[in-house]
PDB file of N, CA and C in Angstrom:
ATOM      1  N   MET A   1      -0.839  65.546  44.022  1.00  0.00           N
ATOM      2  CA  MET A   1      -1.387  64.746  43.242  1.00  0.00           C
ATOM      3  C   MET A   1      -0.380  63.802  42.579  1.00  0.00           C
ATOM      4  N   GLN A   2      -0.890  62.521  42.466  1.00  0.00           N
ATOM      5  CA  GLN A   2       0.072  61.756  41.665  1.00  0.00           C
ATOM      6  C   GLN A   2      -0.485  61.546  40.165  1.00  0.00           C
ATOM      7  N   HIS A   3       0.195  61.436  39.593  1.00  0.00           N
ATOM      8  CA  HIS A   3       0.037  60.783  38.173  1.00  0.00           C
ATOM      9  C   HIS A   3      -0.340  59.290  37.735  1.00  0.00           C
ATOM     10  N   PRO A   4      -1.070  58.725  37.095  1.00  0.00           N
ATOM     11  CA  PRO A   4      -1.097  57.223  37.010  1.00  0.00           C
ATOM     12  C   PRO A   4      -0.134  56.841  36.171  1.00  0.00           C
ATOM     13  N   GLN A   5       0.607  55.697  36.297  1.00  0.00           N
ATOM     14  CA  GLN A   5       1.547  55.251  35.648  1.00  0.00           C
ATOM     15  C   GLN A   5       1.108  54.697  34.083  1.00  0.00           C
ATOM     16  N   PRO A   6       1.762  55.121  33.165  1.00  0.00           N
ATOM     17  CA  PRO A   6       1.112  54.640  31.799  1.00  0.00           C
ATOM     18  C   PRO A   6       0.953  53.027  31.578  1.00  0.00           C
ATOM     19  N   ILE A   7       0.004  52.680  31.348  1.00  0.00           N
ATOM     20  CA  ILE A   7       0.198  51.375  30.860  1.00  0.00           C
ATOM     21  C   ILE A   7       0.546  50.992  29.359  1.00  0.00           C
ATOM     22  N   PRO A   8       1.605  49.835  29.517  1.00  0.00           N
ATOM     23  CA  PRO A   8       1.952  49.574  28.084  1.00  0.00           C
ATOM     24  C   PRO A   8       0.818  49.221  27.257  1.00  0.00           C
ATOM     25  N   PRO A   9       1.269  49.432  25.770  1.00  0.00           N
ATOM     26  CA  PRO A   9       0.155  49.116  25.039  1.00  0.00           C
ATOM     27  C   PRO A   9       0.099  47.981  25.086  1.00  0.00           C
ATOM     28  N   ALA A  10       0.668  46.894  24.882  1.00  0.00           N
ATOM     29  CA  ALA A  10       0.406  45.359  24.935  1.00  0.00           C
ATOM     30  C   ALA A  10      -0.413  44.812  26.283  1.00  0.00           C
ATOM     31  N   ALA A  11      -0.413  45.494  27.348  1.00  0.00           N
ATOM     32  CA  ALA A  11      -0.891  45.249  28.524  1.00  0.00           C
ATOM     33  C   ALA A  11      -2.263  45.809  28.456  1.00  0.00           C
ATOM     34  N   SER A  12      -2.423  47.117  27.749  1.00  0.00           N
ATOM     35  CA  SER A  12      -3.831  47.528  27.554  1.00  0.00           C
ATOM     36  C   SER A  12      -4.595  47.198  26.444  1.00  0.00           C
ATOM     37  N   SER A  13      -4.002  46.663  25.486  1.00  0.00           N
ATOM     38  CA  SER A  13      -5.153  46.283  24.594  1.00  0.00           C
ATOM     39  C   SER A  13      -5.386  44.874  24.671  1.00  0.00           C
ATOM     40  N   HIS A  14      -6.791  44.603  24.363  1.00  0.00           N
ATOM     41  CA  HIS A  14      -7.343  43.140  24.486  1.00  0.00           C
ATOM     42  C   HIS A  14      -7.300  42.827  22.977  1.00  0.00           C
ATOM     43  N   VAL A  15      -6.607  41.754  22.930  1.00  0.00           N
ATOM     44  CA  VAL A  15      -6.413  41.072  21.608  1.00  0.00           C
ATOM     45  C   VAL A  15      -7.685  39.735  21.522  1.00  0.00           C
ATOM     46  N   VAL A  16      -8.626  40.244  20.502  1.00  0.00           N
ATOM     47  CA  VAL A  16      -9.541  39.205  20.585  1.00  0.00           C
ATOM     48  C   VAL A  16      -9.063  38.078  19.272  1.00  0.00           C
ATOM     49  N   HIS A  17      -8.912  36.699  19.492  1.00  0.00           N
ATOM     50  CA  HIS A  17      -8.639  36.190  18.526  1.00  0.00           C
ATOM     51  C   HIS A  17     -10.161  35.174  18.262  1.00  0.00           C
ATOM     52  N   LEU A  18     -10.597  35.521  16.887  1.00  0.00           N
ATOM     53  CA  LEU A  18     -11.616  34.945  16.471  1.00  0.00           C
ATOM     54  C   LEU A  18     -11.346  33.554  15.828  1.00  0.00           C
ATOM     55  N   ARG A  19     -11.978  32.742  15.794  1.00  0.00           N
ATOM     56  CA  ARG A  19     -12.187  31.554  14.997  1.00  0.00           C
ATOM     57  C   ARG A  19     -12.798  31.666  13.777  1.00  0.00           C
ATOM     58  N   PRO A  20     -12.476  31.470  12.590  1.00  0.00           N
ATOM     59  CA  PRO A  20     -13.005  31.469  11.426  1.00  0.00           C
ATOM     60  C   PRO A  20     -14.408  30.927  11.360  1.00  0.00           C
ATOM     61  N   PRO A  21     -15.479  30.942  10.682  1.00  0.00           N
ATOM     62  CA  PRO A  21     -16.712  30.076  10.704  1.00  0.00           C
ATOM     63  C   PRO A  21     -16.328  28.670  10.232  1.00  0.00           C
ATOM     64  N   GLU A  22     -17.081  27.611  10.809  1.00  0.00           N
ATOM     65  CA  GLU A  22     -16.766  26.514  10.413  1.00  0.00           C
ATOM     66  C   GLU A  22     -17.519  26.497   8.841  1.00  0.00           C
ATOM     67  N   MET A  23     -16.647  25.593   7.949  1.00  0.00           N
ATOM     68  CA  MET A  23     -16.731  25.827   6.680  1.00  0.00           C
ATOM     69  C   MET A  23     -17.658  24.477   6.446  1.00  0.00           C
ATOM     70  N   ASN A  24     -18.658  24.373   5.739  1.00  0.00           N
ATOM     71  CA  ASN A  24     -19.657  23.155   5.589  1.00  0.00           C
ATOM     72  C   ASN A  24     -19.057  22.664   4.166  1.00  0.00           C
ATOM     73  N   TRP A  25     -17.929  21.864   4.087  1.00  0.00           N
ATOM     74  CA  TRP A  25     -17.613  21.301   2.632  1.00  0.00           C
ATOM     75  C   TRP A  25     -18.556  20.385   2.108  1.00  0.00           C
ATOM     76  N   VAL A  26     -18.956  19.808   3.047  1.00  0.00           N
ATOM     77  CA  VAL A  26     -19.875  18.682   2.294  1.00  0.00           C
ATOM     78  C   VAL A  26     -21.048  19.202   1.452  1.00  0.00           C
ATOM     79  N   SER A  27     -21.826  20.530   1.788  1.00  0.00           N
ATOM     80  CA  SER A  27     -22.775  21.249   1.331  1.00  0.00           C
ATOM     81  C   SER A  27     -22.431  21.669  -0.138  1.00  0.00           C
ATOM     82  N   PHE A  28     -20.988  21.371  -0.404  1.00  0.00           N
ATOM     83  CA  PHE A  28     -20.725  21.643  -1.845  1.00  0.00           C
ATOM     84  C   PHE A  28     -20.907  20.360  -2.705  1.00  0.00           C
ATOM     85  N   LEU A  29     -20.840  19.267  -1.927  1.00  0.00           N
ATOM     86  CA  LEU A  29     -21.115  18.239  -3.203  1.00  0.00           C
ATOM     87  C   LEU A  29     -22.550  18.036  -3.730  1.00  0.00           C
ATOM     88  N   PRO A  30     -22.671  17.264  -5.072  1.00  0.00           N
ATOM     89  CA  PRO A  30     -23.931  17.569  -5.276  1.00  0.00           C
ATOM     90  C   PRO A  30     -24.723  16.054  -4.196  1.00  0.00           C
ATOM     91  N   LYS A  31     -25.825  16.367  -4.214  1.00  0.00           N
ATOM     92  CA  LYS A  31     -26.630  15.408  -3.706  1.00  0.00           C
ATOM     93  C   LYS A  31     -26.523  13.889  -4.032  1.00  0.00           C
ATOM     94  N   GLN A  32     -25.952  13.499  -5.405  1.00  0.00           N
ATOM     95  CA  GLN A  32     -25.984  12.213  -6.017  1.00  0.00           C
ATOM     96  C   GLN A  32     -24.813  11.588  -5.238  1.00  0.00           C
ATOM     97  N   PHE A  33     -23.718  12.565  -4.788  1.00  0.00           N
ATOM     98  CA  PHE A  33     -22.817  11.867  -4.496  1.00  0.00           C
ATOM     99  C   PHE A  33     -22.721  11.441  -2.695  1.00  0.00           C
ATOM    100  N   LEU A  34     -23.878  12.138  -2.215  1.00  0.00           N
ATOM    101  CA  LEU A  34     -23.945  11.639  -0.836  1.00  0.00           C
ATOM    102  C   LEU A  34     -24.593  10.114  -0.787  1.00  0.00           C
ATOM    103  N   GLY A  35     -25.257  10.023  -1.497  1.00  0.00           N
ATOM    104  CA  GLY A  35     -25.717   8.157  -1.831  1.00  0.00           C
ATOM    105  C   GLY A  35     -24.526   7.240  -1.756  1.00  0.00           C
ATOM    106  N   VAL A  36     -23.422   8.025  -2.459  1.00  0.00           N
ATOM    107  CA  VAL A  36     -22.480   6.791  -3.002  1.00  0.00           C
ATOM    108  C   VAL A  36     -20.988   6.950  -2.108  1.00  0.00           C
ATOM    109  N   ILE A  37     -20.799   8.212  -1.510  1.00  0.00           N
ATOM    110  CA  ILE A  37     -19.617   8.838  -0.458  1.00  0.00           C
ATOM    111  C   ILE A  37     -19.999   8.536   0.763  1.00  0.00           C
ATOM    112  N   LYS A  38     -19.264   7.541   1.487  1.00  0.00           N
ATOM    113  CA  LYS A  38     -19.269   7.273   2.551  1.00  0.00           C
ATOM    114  C   LYS A  38     -19.021   8.721   3.735  1.00  0.00           C
ATOM    115  N   ALA A  39     -20.050   8.860   4.495  1.00  0.00           N
ATOM    116  CA  ALA A  39     -19.974   9.869   5.414  1.00  0.00           C
ATOM    117  C   ALA A  39     -18.535  10.105   5.942  1.00  0.00           C
ATOM    118  N   ALA A  40     -17.780   9.541   6.255  1.00  0.00           N
ATOM    119  CA  ALA A  40     -16.349   9.503   6.895  1.00  0.00           C
ATOM    120  C   ALA A  40     -15.522  10.212   5.600  1.00  0.00           C
ATOM    121  N   ASP A  41     -15.778  10.062   4.400  1.00  0.00           N
ATOM    122  CA  ASP A  41     -15.114  10.590   3.121  1.00  0.00           C
ATOM    123  C   ASP A  41     -15.655  11.937   2.683  1.00  0.00           C
ATOM    124  N   ARG A  42     -16.622  12.159   3.171  1.00  0.00           N
ATOM    125  CA  ARG A  42     -17.432  13.255   2.357  1.00  0.00           C
ATOM    126  C   ARG A  42     -16.587  14.743   2.539  1.00  0.00           C
ATOM    127  N   GLU A  43     -15.967  15.053   3.890  1.00  0.00           N
ATOM    128  CA  GLU A  43     -15.438  16.242   4.028  1.00  0.00           C
ATOM    129  C   GLU A  43     -14.166  16.570   3.206  1.00  0.00           C
ATOM    130  N   TRP A  44     -13.112  15.609   3.447  1.00  0.00           N
ATOM    131  CA  TRP A  44     -11.884  15.561   2.577  1.00  0.00           C
ATOM    132  C   TRP A  44     -12.075  15.341   1.164  1.00  0.00           C
ATOM    133  N   ILE A  45     -13.154  14.658   0.467  1.00  0.00           N
ATOM    134  CA  ILE A  45     -13.204  14.685  -0.670  1.00  0.00           C
ATOM    135  C   ILE A  45     -13.702  16.108  -1.255  1.00  0.00           C
ATOM    136  N   ALA A  46     -14.758  16.846  -0.512  1.00  0.00           N
ATOM    137  CA  ALA A  46     -15.229  17.902  -0.927  1.00  0.00           C
ATOM    138  C   ALA A  46     -14.034  18.886  -0.986  1.00  0.00           C
ATOM    139  N   GLN A  47     -13.103  19.041   0.026  1.00  0.00           N
ATOM    140  CA  GLN A  47     -11.997  19.651   0.354  1.00  0.00           C
ATOM    141  C   GLN A  47     -11.111  19.549  -1.022  1.00  0.00           C
ATOM    142  N   CYS A  48     -11.064  18.300  -1.684  1.00  0.00           N
ATOM    143  CA  CYS A  48     -10.172  18.106  -2.753  1.00  0.00           C
ATOM    144  C   CYS A  48     -10.927  18.779  -4.140  1.00  0.00           C
ATOM    145  N   LEU A  49     -11.988  18.360  -3.854  1.00  0.00           N
ATOM    146  CA  LEU A  49     -12.946  19.178  -5.429  1.00  0.00           C
ATOM    147  C   LEU A  49     -13.197  20.533  -5.446  1.00  0.00           C
ATOM    148  N   TYR A  50     -13.496  21.133  -4.132  1.00  0.00           N
ATOM    149  CA  TYR A  50     -13.841  22.537  -4.383  1.00  0.00           C
ATOM    150  C   TYR A  50     -12.762  23.327  -3.488  1.00  0.00           C
ATOM    151  N   ASN A  51     -13.122  24.501  -3.861  1.00  0.00           N
ATOM    152  CA  ASN A  51     -12.235  25.569  -3.261  1.00  0.00           C
ATOM    153  C   ASN A  51     -13.348  26.113  -2.221  1.00  0.00           C
ATOM    154  N   PRO A  52     -12.486  26.921  -1.297  1.00  0.00           N
ATOM    155  CA  PRO A  52     -13.331  27.622   0.140  1.00  0.00           C
ATOM    156  C   PRO A  52     -14.729  28.147  -0.246  1.00  0.00           C
ATOM    157  N   ALA A  53     -14.737  29.010  -1.570  1.00  0.00           N
ATOM    158  CA  ALA A  53     -15.816  29.635  -2.040  1.00  0.00           C
ATOM    159  C   ALA A  53     -17.218  28.467  -2.669  1.00  0.00           C
ATOM    160  N   GLY A  54     -16.644  27.325  -2.834  1.00  0.00           N
ATOM    161  CA  GLY A  54     -17.531  26.381  -3.105  1.00  0.00           C
ATOM    162  C   GLY A  54     -17.577  26.109  -4.932  1.00  0.00           C
ATOM    163  N   GLN A  55     -16.659  26.593  -5.409  1.00  0.00           N
ATOM    164  CA  GLN A  55     -16.208  26.533  -6.673  1.00  0.00           C
ATOM    165  C   GLN A  55     -15.716  25.294  -7.004  1.00  0.00           C
ATOM    166  N   PHE A  56     -15.966  24.490  -7.981  1.00  0.00           N
ATOM    167  CA  PHE A  56     -15.251  23.181  -8.442  1.00  0.00           C
ATOM    168  C   PHE A  56     -13.956  23.606  -9.047  1.00  0.00           C
ATOM    169  N   ARG A  57     -12.918  23.131  -8.437  1.00  0.00           N
ATOM    170  CA  ARG A  57     -11.399  23.532  -8.771  1.00  0.00           C
ATOM    171  C   ARG A  57     -11.198  23.709 -10.216  1.00  0.00           C
ATOM    172  N   GLN A  58     -10.475  24.381 -10.970  1.00  0.00           N
ATOM    173  CA  GLN A  58     -10.313  24.252 -12.194  1.00  0.00           C
ATOM    174  C   GLN A  58      -9.333  23.368 -12.670  1.00  0.00           C
ATOM    175  N   GLN A  59      -8.180  23.017 -12.010  1.00  0.00           N
ATOM    176  CA  GLN A  59      -7.161  22.223 -12.171  1.00  0.00           C
ATOM    177  C   GLN A  59      -6.734  21.101 -11.012  1.00  0.00           C
ATOM    178  N   PHE A  60      -6.707  19.831 -11.109  1.00  0.00           N
ATOM    179  CA  PHE A  60      -6.139  18.706 -10.170  1.00  0.00           C
ATOM    180  C   PHE A  60      -4.507  18.637 -10.600  1.00  0.00           C
ATOM    181  N   PRO A  61      -3.820  18.393  -9.404  1.00  0.00           N
ATOM    182  CA  PRO A  61      -2.384  17.889  -9.602  1.00  0.00           C
ATOM    183  C   PRO A  61      -2.316  16.502  -9.847  1.00  0.00           C
ATOM    184  N   GLN A  62      -3.354  15.699  -9.459  1.00  0.00           N
ATOM    185  CA  GLN A  62      -3.335  14.117  -9.644  1.00  0.00           C
ATOM    186  C   GLN A  62      -4.540  13.816  -9.762  1.00  0.00           C
ATOM    187  N   ASN A  63      -4.621  12.602 -10.538  1.00  0.00           N
ATOM    188  CA  ASN A  63      -5.698  11.623 -10.239  1.00  0.00           C
ATOM    189  C   ASN A  63      -6.289  11.260  -8.684  1.00  0.00           C
ATOM    190  N   TRP A  64      -5.219  10.619  -8.203  1.00  0.00           N
ATOM    191  CA  TRP A  64      -5.555   9.747  -6.964  1.00  0.00           C
ATOM    192  C   TRP A  64      -5.249  10.650  -5.913  1.00  0.00           C
ATOM    193  N   PHE A  65      -6.326  10.708  -4.772  1.00  0.00           N
ATOM    194  CA  PHE A  65      -6.540  11.339  -3.687  1.00  0.00           C
ATOM    195  C   PHE A  65      -6.764  10.401  -2.968  1.00  0.00           C
ATOM    196  N   HIS A  66      -5.863  10.609  -1.257  1.00  0.00           N
ATOM    197  CA  HIS A  66      -5.965   9.779  -0.184  1.00  0.00           C
ATOM    198  C   HIS A  66      -6.289  10.410   0.946  1.00  0.00           C
ATOM    199  N   PRO A  67      -7.324   9.724   1.757  1.00  0.00           N
ATOM    200  CA  PRO A  67      -7.655  10.421   2.821  1.00  0.00           C
ATOM    201  C   PRO A  67      -6.819  11.014   3.753  1.00  0.00           C
ATOM    202  N   PRO A  68      -6.722  12.064   4.513  1.00  0.00           N
ATOM    203  CA  PRO A  68      -6.033  12.511   5.785  1.00  0.00           C
ATOM    204  C   PRO A  68      -5.600  11.122   6.301  1.00  0.00           C
ATOM    205  N   SER A  69      -4.378  11.167   6.947  1.00  0.00           N
ATOM    206  CA  SER A  69      -4.182  10.332   8.014  1.00  0.00           C
ATOM    207  C   SER A  69      -4.691  10.424   9.288  1.00  0.00           C
ATOM    208  N   SER A  70      -4.782   9.564  10.464  1.00  0.00           N
ATOM    209  CA  SER A  70      -5.480   9.283  11.533  1.00  0.00           C
ATOM    210  C   SER A  70      -4.345  10.634  12.286  1.00  0.00           C
ATOM    211  N   PRO A  71      -5.278  11.344  13.316  1.00  0.00           N
ATOM    212  CA  PRO A  71      -4.392  11.965  14.156  1.00  0.00           C
ATOM    213  C   PRO A  71      -3.394  11.100  14.995  1.00  0.00           C
ATOM    214  N   LYS A  72      -2.321  11.673  15.365  1.00  0.00           N
ATOM    215  CA  LYS A  72      -1.365  10.894  16.088  1.00  0.00           C
ATOM    216  C   LYS A  72      -2.088  10.736  17.805  1.00  0.00           C
ATOM    217  N   VAL A  73      -2.556  11.982  18.298  1.00  0.00           N
ATOM    218  CA  VAL A  73      -3.113  12.258  19.677  1.00  0.00           C
ATOM    219  C   VAL A  73      -4.843  12.395  19.487  1.00  0.00           C
ATOM    220  N   MET A  74      -5.253  11.425  20.083  1.00  0.00           N
ATOM    221  CA  MET A  74      -6.915  11.373  20.144  1.00  0.00           C
ATOM    222  C   MET A  74      -7.038  11.535  21.788  1.00  0.00           C
ATOM    223  N   THR A  75      -8.148  12.646  21.718  1.00  0.00           N
ATOM    224  CA  THR A  75      -8.586  12.918  22.784  1.00  0.00           C
ATOM    225  C   THR A  75     -10.158  12.101  23.244  1.00  0.00           C
ATOM    226  N   ALA A  76     -10.391  11.877  22.267  1.00  0.00           N
ATOM    227  CA  ALA A  76     -11.654  11.071  22.562  1.00  0.00           C
ATOM    228  C   ALA A  76     -11.801   9.836  21.637  1.00  0.00           C
ATOM    229  N   PRO A  77     -12.456   8.646  22.050  1.00  0.00           N
ATOM    230  CA  PRO A  77     -12.420   7.541  21.401  1.00  0.00           C
ATOM    231  C   PRO A  77     -13.046   7.822  20.030  1.00  0.00           C
ATOM    232  N   PRO A  78     -12.096   7.077  18.713  1.00  0.00           N
ATOM    233  CA  PRO A  78     -11.956   7.151  17.558  1.00  0.00           C
ATOM    234  C   PRO A  78     -13.420   6.765  16.851  1.00  0.00           C
ATOM    235  N   ASP A  79     -13.954   7.466  15.786  1.00  0.00           N
ATOM    236  CA  ASP A  79     -15.289   6.767  15.181  1.00  0.00           C
ATOM    237  C   ASP A  79     -14.392   5.752  14.296  1.00  0.00           C
ATOM    238  N   PRO A  80     -15.088   4.454  14.324  1.00  0.00           N
ATOM    239  CA  PRO A  80     -14.757   3.313  13.647  1.00  0.00           C
ATOM    240  C   PRO A  80     -14.415   3.749  11.982  1.00  0.00           C
ATOM    241  N   HIS A  81     -15.583   4.437  11.507  1.00  0.00           N
ATOM    242  CA  HIS A  81     -15.459   4.608  10.152  1.00  0.00           C
ATOM    243  C   HIS A  81     -14.192   5.554   9.561  1.00  0.00           C
ATOM    244  N   PHE A  82     -13.512   5.989  10.802  1.00  0.00           N
ATOM    245  CA  PHE A  82     -12.485   6.842  10.309  1.00  0.00           C
ATOM    246  C   PHE A  82     -11.532   5.980   9.696  1.00  0.00           C
ATOM    247  N   TYR A  83     -11.361   4.564  10.100  1.00  0.00           N
ATOM    248  CA  TYR A  83     -10.190   3.639   9.605  1.00  0.00           C
ATOM    249  C   TYR A  83     -10.862   3.081   8.562  1.00  0.00           C
ATOM    250  N   PHE A  84     -11.687   2.897   7.695  1.00  0.00           N
ATOM    251  CA  PHE A  84     -12.153   2.382   6.467  1.00  0.00           C
ATOM    252  C   PHE A  84     -12.505   3.255   5.586  1.00  0.00           C
ATOM    253  N   ARG A  85     -11.851   4.718   5.481  1.00  0.00           N
ATOM    254  CA  ARG A  85     -12.316   5.471   4.515  1.00  0.00           C
ATOM    255  C   ARG A  85     -11.278   5.170   3.270  1.00  0.00           C
ATOM    256  N   GLN A  86     -12.076   5.418   2.063  1.00  0.00           N
ATOM    257  CA  GLN A  86     -11.289   5.077   0.751  1.00  0.00           C
ATOM    258  C   GLN A  86     -10.804   6.069   0.203  1.00  0.00           C
ATOM    259  N   ARG A  87      -9.825   5.854  -0.771  1.00  0.00           N
ATOM    260  CA  ARG A  87      -9.283   6.844  -1.477  1.00  0.00           C
ATOM    261  C   ARG A  87     -10.068   6.987  -2.586  1.00  0.00           C
ATOM    262  N   MET A  88      -9.594   7.943  -3.428  1.00  0.00           N
ATOM    263  CA  MET A  88     -10.679   8.473  -4.637  1.00  0.00           C
ATOM    264  C   MET A  88      -9.748   8.662  -5.961  1.00  0.00           C
ATOM    265  N   PHE A  89     -10.204   8.485  -7.164  1.00  0.00           N
ATOM    266  CA  PHE A  89      -9.682   8.384  -8.303  1.00  0.00           C
ATOM    267  C   PHE A  89     -10.430   9.212  -9.123  1.00  0.00           C
ATOM    268  N   LEU A  90     -10.409  10.524  -9.361  1.00  0.00           N
ATOM    269  CA  LEU A  90     -10.912  11.272 -10.268  1.00  0.00           C
ATOM    270  C   LEU A  90     -10.481  11.127 -11.446  1.00  0.00           C
ATOM    271  N   TRP A  91     -11.538  10.868 -12.721  1.00  0.00           N
ATOM    272  CA  TRP A  91     -11.291  10.638 -14.018  1.00  0.00           C
ATOM    273  C   TRP A  91     -12.493  11.676 -14.545  1.00  0.00           C
ATOM    274  N   ALA A  92     -11.958  12.773 -14.693  1.00  0.00           N
ATOM    275  CA  ALA A  92     -12.804  13.672 -15.572  1.00  0.00           C
ATOM    276  C   ALA A  92     -12.181  14.562 -16.829  1.00  0.00           C
ATOM    277  N   PRO A  93     -11.566  13.673 -18.217  1.00  0.00           N
ATOM    278  CA  PRO A  93     -10.634  14.118 -19.005  1.00  0.00           C
ATOM    279  C   PRO A  93     -11.299  15.689 -19.312  1.00  0.00           C
ATOM    280  N   MET A  94     -12.744  15.634 -19.887  1.00  0.00           N
ATOM    281  CA  MET A  94     -13.314  16.629 -20.503  1.00  0.00           C
ATOM    282  C   MET A  94     -13.213  17.934 -19.402  1.00  0.00           C
ATOM    283  N   TRP A  95     -12.862  17.588 -17.935  1.00  0.00           N
ATOM    284  CA  TRP A  95     -13.134  18.829 -17.274  1.00  0.00           C
ATOM    285  C   TRP A  95     -11.575  19.254 -17.302  1.00  0.00           C
ATOM    286  N   MET A  96     -10.687  18.289 -16.912  1.00  0.00           N
ATOM    287  CA  MET A  96      -9.469  18.592 -16.560  1.00  0.00           C
ATOM    288  C   MET A  96      -8.437  19.109 -17.648  1.00  0.00           C
ATOM    289  N   TRP A  97      -8.523  18.296 -18.879  1.00  0.00           N
ATOM    290  CA  TRP A  97      -7.764  18.348 -19.973  1.00  0.00           C
ATOM    291  C   TRP A  97      -8.580  19.112 -21.399  1.00  0.00           C
ATOM    292  N   GLY A  98      -9.800  19.097 -21.398  1.00  0.00           N
ATOM    293  CA  GLY A  98     -10.730  19.849 -22.359  1.00  0.00           C
ATOM    294  C   GLY A  98     -10.486  18.658 -23.697  1.00  0.00           C
ATOM    295  N   ILE A  99     -10.480  17.558 -23.111  1.00  0.00           N
ATOM    296  CA  ILE A  99     -10.776  16.339 -24.340  1.00  0.00           C
ATOM    297  C   ILE A  99     -11.945  15.918 -24.210  1.00  0.00           C
ATOM    298  N   SER A 100     -12.578  15.960 -25.229  1.00  0.00           N
ATOM    299  CA  SER A 100     -14.134  15.348 -25.373  1.00  0.00           C
ATOM    300  C   SER A 100     -14.015  13.916 -25.486  1.00  0.00           C
ATOM    301  N   LEU A 101     -14.755  13.055 -24.997  1.00  0.00           N
ATOM    302  CA  LEU A 101     -15.048  11.549 -25.320  1.00  0.00           C
ATOM    303  C   LEU A 101     -16.075  11.270 -26.060  1.00  0.00           C
ATOM    304  N   LYS A 102     -15.843  11.210 -27.031  1.00  0.00           N
ATOM    305  CA  LYS A 102     -17.077  10.793 -27.741  1.00  0.00           C
ATOM    306  C   LYS A 102     -17.090   9.422 -28.571  1.00  0.00           C
ATOM    307  N   CYS A 103     -18.350   8.397 -28.638  1.00  0.00           N
ATOM    308  CA  CYS A 103     -18.584   7.273 -29.187  1.00  0.00           C
ATOM    309  C   CYS A 103     -17.631   7.071 -30.579  1.00  0.00           C
ATOM    310  N   PRO A 104     -16.931   5.939 -30.572  1.00  0.00           N
ATOM    311  CA  PRO A 104     -16.202   5.884 -31.996  1.00  0.00           C
ATOM    312  C   PRO A 104     -17.165   5.467 -33.160  1.00  0.00           C
ATOM    313  N   GLN A 105     -18.362   4.959 -32.849  1.00  0.00           N
ATOM    314  CA  GLN A 105     -19.473   4.381 -33.672  1.00  0.00           C
ATOM    315  C   GLN A 105     -20.588   5.626 -34.036  1.00  0.00           C
ATOM    316  N   CYS A 106     -20.896   6.498 -33.095  1.00  0.00           N
ATOM    317  CA  CYS A 106     -21.966   7.214 -33.350  1.00  0.00           C
ATOM    318  C   CYS A 106     -21.495   8.922 -33.266  1.00  0.00           C
ATOM    319  N   ASN A 107     -20.239   8.958 -32.754  1.00  0.00           N
ATOM    320  CA  ASN A 107     -19.737  10.516 -32.730  1.00  0.00           C
ATOM    321  C   ASN A 107     -20.499  11.245 -31.614  1.00  0.00           C
ATOM    322  N   THR A 108     -21.194  10.755 -30.519  1.00  0.00           N
ATOM    323  CA  THR A 108     -21.695  11.502 -29.475  1.00  0.00           C
ATOM    324  C   THR A 108     -21.312  11.090 -28.224  1.00  0.00           C
TER     325      THR A 108
END
């Protein structure tokens, strides 16, 4: 009777690489933003403003945010909107620094 040869652990284990579920970053944006932010800009802007849990970020390292650059290698024809994306300037002094802005005349 022959004994079967042991199979090395690396060969016997099946490694399954699961992709994380796709994050719907655009769903974090307020509905009012969808009317003023172009579709090509929505995802990257949402990633700048929100963390993966959908919470508005507490701190921002800068005021200007630029869209990601185009990929070097394209496997499909590019979306023309990709080349006309806009940068974003975030001005939220009350949120970012706790400075309240009040009218100098009526103090509201």
